[in-house]
Amino acid sequence: MDDLTNRNSKAFQIAVEEEDLGTWKLYKRRIVYLRKRKSSANSCFF
């Protein structure tokens, strides 16, 4: 029982980390997109 709980929490942790990574990739892509537009307001913001 304890082993199962441990395995579940590990799987959950991996899922959370993957979700964070996905969010970071989207955020990074958005920054690249805003930089490509070369708007002075956006480059000042970042």
PDB file of N, CA and C in Angstrom:
ATOM      1  N   MET A   1       0.832  -1.202   0.000  1.00  0.00           N
ATOM      2  CA  MET A   1       0.000   0.000   0.000  1.00  0.00           C
ATOM      3  C   MET A   1       0.872   1.260   0.000  1.00  0.00           C
ATOM      4  N   ASP A   2       1.875   1.269   0.845  1.00  0.00           N
ATOM      5  CA  ASP A   2       2.760   2.423   0.921  1.00  0.00           C
ATOM      6  C   ASP A   2       3.514   2.620  -0.394  1.00  0.00           C
ATOM      7  N   ASP A   3       3.937   1.506  -0.986  1.00  0.00           N
ATOM      8  CA  ASP A   3       4.674   1.557  -2.243  1.00  0.00           C
ATOM      9  C   ASP A   3       3.804   2.135  -3.359  1.00  0.00           C
ATOM     10  N   LEU A   4       2.527   1.752  -3.348  1.00  0.00           N
ATOM     11  CA  LEU A   4       1.589   2.233  -4.361  1.00  0.00           C
ATOM     12  C   LEU A   4       1.377   3.743  -4.229  1.00  0.00           C
ATOM     13  N   THR A   5       1.229   4.196  -3.005  1.00  0.00           N
ATOM     14  CA  THR A   5       1.057   5.629  -2.745  1.00  0.00           C
ATOM     15  C   THR A   5       2.286   6.398  -3.208  1.00  0.00           C
ATOM     16  N   ASN A   6       3.439   5.837  -2.926  1.00  0.00           N
ATOM     17  CA  ASN A   6       4.691   6.471  -3.317  1.00  0.00           C
ATOM     18  C   ASN A   6       4.796   6.567  -4.835  1.00  0.00           C
ATOM     19  N   ARG A   7       4.420   5.490  -5.517  1.00  0.00           N
ATOM     20  CA  ARG A   7       4.492   5.458  -6.971  1.00  0.00           C
ATOM     21  C   ARG A   7       3.517   6.473  -7.575  1.00  0.00           C
ATOM     22  N   ASN A   8       2.332   6.576  -6.961  1.00  0.00           N
ATOM     23  CA  ASN A   8       1.321   7.517  -7.452  1.00  0.00           C
ATOM     24  C   ASN A   8       1.792   8.958  -7.297  1.00  0.00           C
ATOM     25  N   SER A   9       2.397   9.261  -6.162  1.00  0.00           N
ATOM     26  CA  SER A   9       2.861  10.624  -5.930  1.00  0.00           C
ATOM     27  C   SER A   9       4.001  10.971  -6.888  1.00  0.00           C
ATOM     28  N   LYS A  10       4.809   9.970  -7.217  1.00  0.00           N
ATOM     29  CA  LYS A  10       5.908  10.193  -8.158  1.00  0.00           C
ATOM     30  C   LYS A  10       5.357  10.481  -9.557  1.00  0.00           C
ATOM     31  N   ALA A  11       4.350   9.706  -9.958  1.00  0.00           N
ATOM     32  CA  ALA A  11       3.714   9.914 -11.257  1.00  0.00           C
ATOM     33  C   ALA A  11       3.054  11.292 -11.308  1.00  0.00           C
ATOM     34  N   PHE A  12       2.449  11.669 -10.194  1.00  0.00           N
ATOM     35  CA  PHE A  12       1.803  12.977 -10.111  1.00  0.00           C
ATOM     36  C   PHE A  12       2.836  14.097 -10.236  1.00  0.00           C
ATOM     37  N   GLN A  13       3.967  13.915  -9.574  1.00  0.00           N
ATOM     38  CA  GLN A  13       5.035  14.914  -9.615  1.00  0.00           C
ATOM     39  C   GLN A  13       5.555  15.087 -11.040  1.00  0.00           C
ATOM     40  N   ILE A  14       5.731  13.963 -11.747  1.00  0.00           N
ATOM     41  CA  ILE A  14       6.197  14.007 -13.132  1.00  0.00           C
ATOM     42  C   ILE A  14       5.186  14.751 -14.002  1.00  0.00           C
ATOM     43  N   ALA A  15       3.895  14.462 -13.774  1.00  0.00           N
ATOM     44  CA  ALA A  15       2.834  15.119 -14.544  1.00  0.00           C
ATOM     45  C   ALA A  15       2.854  16.626 -14.320  1.00  0.00           C
ATOM     46  N   VAL A  16       3.055  17.032 -13.077  1.00  0.00           N
ATOM     47  CA  VAL A  16       3.108  18.457 -12.750  1.00  0.00           C
ATOM     48  C   VAL A  16       4.313  19.108 -13.418  1.00  0.00           C
ATOM     49  N   GLU A  17       5.450  18.432 -13.378  1.00  0.00           N
ATOM     50  CA  GLU A  17       6.662  18.977 -13.995  1.00  0.00           C
ATOM     51  C   GLU A  17       6.492  19.114 -15.499  1.00  0.00           C
ATOM     52  N   GLU A  18       5.860  18.113 -16.129  1.00  0.00           N
ATOM     53  CA  GLU A  18       5.633  18.174 -17.572  1.00  0.00           C
ATOM     54  C   GLU A  18       4.689  19.317 -17.914  1.00  0.00           C
ATOM     55  N   GLU A  19       3.703  19.530 -17.057  1.00  0.00           N
ATOM     56  CA  GLU A  19       2.752  20.618 -17.286  1.00  0.00           C
ATOM     57  C   GLU A  19       3.459  21.967 -17.182  1.00  0.00           C
ATOM     58  N   ASP A  20       4.337  22.093 -16.190  1.00  0.00           N
ATOM     59  CA  ASP A  20       5.108  23.323 -16.030  1.00  0.00           C
ATOM     60  C   ASP A  20       5.989  23.563 -17.247  1.00  0.00           C
ATOM     61  N   LEU A  21       6.583  22.490 -17.759  1.00  0.00           N
ATOM     62  CA  LEU A  21       7.444  22.588 -18.925  1.00  0.00           C
ATOM     63  C   LEU A  21       6.642  23.050 -20.136  1.00  0.00           C
ATOM     64  N   GLY A  22       5.443  22.497 -20.288  1.00  0.00           N
ATOM     65  CA  GLY A  22       4.578  22.895 -21.394  1.00  0.00           C
ATOM     66  C   GLY A  22       4.198  24.363 -21.308  1.00  0.00           C
ATOM     67  N   THR A  23       3.891  24.811 -20.099  1.00  0.00           N
ATOM     68  CA  THR A  23       3.533  26.212 -19.879  1.00  0.00           C
ATOM     69  C   THR A  23       4.722  27.107 -20.203  1.00  0.00           C
ATOM     70  N   TRP A  24       5.907  26.687 -19.791  1.00  0.00           N
ATOM     71  CA  TRP A  24       7.126  27.456 -20.041  1.00  0.00           C
ATOM     72  C   TRP A  24       7.403  27.556 -21.531  1.00  0.00           C
ATOM     73  N   LYS A  25       7.174  26.444 -22.267  1.00  0.00           N
ATOM     74  CA  LYS A  25       7.397  26.457 -23.715  1.00  0.00           C
ATOM     75  C   LYS A  25       6.461  27.443 -24.398  1.00  0.00           C
ATOM     76  N   LEU A  26       5.198  27.448 -23.968  1.00  0.00           N
ATOM     77  CA  LEU A  26       4.221  28.386 -24.534  1.00  0.00           C
ATOM     78  C   LEU A  26       4.639  29.822 -24.238  1.00  0.00           C
ATOM     79  N   TYR A  27       5.068  30.060 -22.998  1.00  0.00           N
ATOM     80  CA  TYR A  27       5.488  31.396 -22.569  1.00  0.00           C
ATOM     81  C   TYR A  27       6.692  31.871 -23.377  1.00  0.00           C
ATOM     82  N   LYS A  28       7.648  30.944 -23.565  1.00  0.00           N
ATOM     83  CA  LYS A  28       8.856  31.251 -24.314  1.00  0.00           C
ATOM     84  C   LYS A  28       8.522  31.578 -25.771  1.00  0.00           C
ATOM     85  N   ARG A  29       7.614  30.776 -26.343  1.00  0.00           N
ATOM     86  CA  ARG A  29       7.211  30.983 -27.728  1.00  0.00           C
ATOM     87  C   ARG A  29       6.558  32.361 -27.878  1.00  0.00           C
ATOM     88  N   ARG A  30       5.786  32.751 -26.865  1.00  0.00           N
ATOM     89  CA  ARG A  30       5.111  34.044 -26.903  1.00  0.00           C
ATOM     90  C   ARG A  30       6.117  35.189 -26.849  1.00  0.00           C
ATOM     91  N   ILE A  31       7.153  35.025 -26.033  1.00  0.00           N
ATOM     92  CA  ILE A  31       8.202  36.045 -25.936  1.00  0.00           C
ATOM     93  C   ILE A  31       8.906  36.192 -27.285  1.00  0.00           C
ATOM     94  N   VAL A  32       9.215  35.054 -27.909  1.00  0.00           N
ATOM     95  CA  VAL A  32       9.872  35.070 -29.218  1.00  0.00           C
ATOM     96  C   VAL A  32       8.981  35.770 -30.234  1.00  0.00           C
ATOM     97  N   TYR A  33       7.682  35.465 -30.175  1.00  0.00           N
ATOM     98  CA  TYR A  33       6.723  36.075 -31.100  1.00  0.00           C
ATOM     99  C   TYR A  33       6.671  37.592 -30.912  1.00  0.00           C
ATOM    100  N   LEU A  34       6.642  38.019 -29.652  1.00  0.00           N
ATOM    101  CA  LEU A  34       6.583  39.453 -29.381  1.00  0.00           C
ATOM    102  C   LEU A  34       7.872  40.146 -29.808  1.00  0.00           C
ATOM    103  N   ARG A  35       8.994  39.476 -29.633  1.00  0.00           N
ATOM    104  CA  ARG A  35      10.280  40.057 -30.031  1.00  0.00           C
ATOM    105  C   ARG A  35      10.350  40.199 -31.540  1.00  0.00           C
ATOM    106  N   LYS A  36       9.783  39.216 -32.256  1.00  0.00           N
ATOM    107  CA  LYS A  36       9.813  39.247 -33.718  1.00  0.00           C
ATOM    108  C   LYS A  36       9.038  40.443 -34.258  1.00  0.00           C
ATOM    109  N   ARG A  37       8.018  40.863 -33.534  1.00  0.00           N
ATOM    110  CA  ARG A  37       7.221  42.012 -33.966  1.00  0.00           C
ATOM    111  C   ARG A  37       8.012  43.308 -33.835  1.00  0.00           C
ATOM    112  N   LYS A  38       9.061  43.261 -33.018  1.00  0.00           N
ATOM    113  CA  LYS A  38       9.977  44.396 -32.827  1.00  0.00           C
ATOM    114  C   LYS A  38       9.249  45.671 -32.432  1.00  0.00           C
ATOM    115  N   SER A  39       8.267  45.521 -31.582  1.00  0.00           N
ATOM    116  CA  SER A  39       7.580  46.694 -31.046  1.00  0.00           C
ATOM    117  C   SER A  39       8.390  47.203 -29.856  1.00  0.00           C
ATOM    118  N   SER A  40       8.692  48.476 -29.840  1.00  0.00           N
ATOM    119  CA  SER A  40       9.527  49.026 -28.768  1.00  0.00           C
ATOM    120  C   SER A  40       8.848  48.892 -27.409  1.00  0.00           C
ATOM    121  N   ALA A  41       7.512  48.970 -27.382  1.00  0.00           N
ATOM    122  CA  ALA A  41       6.780  48.831 -26.122  1.00  0.00           C
ATOM    123  C   ALA A  41       6.978  47.431 -25.550  1.00  0.00           C
ATOM    124  N   ASN A  42       6.920  46.423 -26.416  1.00  0.00           N
ATOM    125  CA  ASN A  42       7.062  45.048 -25.955  1.00  0.00           C
ATOM    126  C   ASN A  42       8.488  44.753 -25.501  1.00  0.00           C
ATOM    127  N   SER A  43       9.475  45.265 -26.204  1.00  0.00           N
ATOM    128  CA  SER A  43      10.853  44.982 -25.806  1.00  0.00           C
ATOM    129  C   SER A  43      11.195  45.692 -24.497  1.00  0.00           C
ATOM    130  N   CYS A  44      10.551  46.819 -24.233  1.00  0.00           N
ATOM    131  CA  CYS A  44      10.762  47.496 -22.953  1.00  0.00           C
ATOM    132  C   CYS A  44      10.120  46.705 -21.821  1.00  0.00           C
ATOM    133  N   PHE A  45       8.986  46.087 -22.140  1.00  0.00           N
ATOM    134  CA  PHE A  45       8.237  45.341 -21.131  1.00  0.00           C
ATOM    135  C   PHE A  45       9.012  44.137 -20.638  1.00  0.00           C
ATOM    136  N   PHE A  46       9.724  43.452 -21.517  1.00  0.00           N
ATOM    137  CA  PHE A  46      10.419  42.227 -21.116  1.00  0.00           C
ATOM    138  C   PHE A  46      11.782  42.521 -20.532  1.00  0.00           C
TER     139      PHE A  46
END
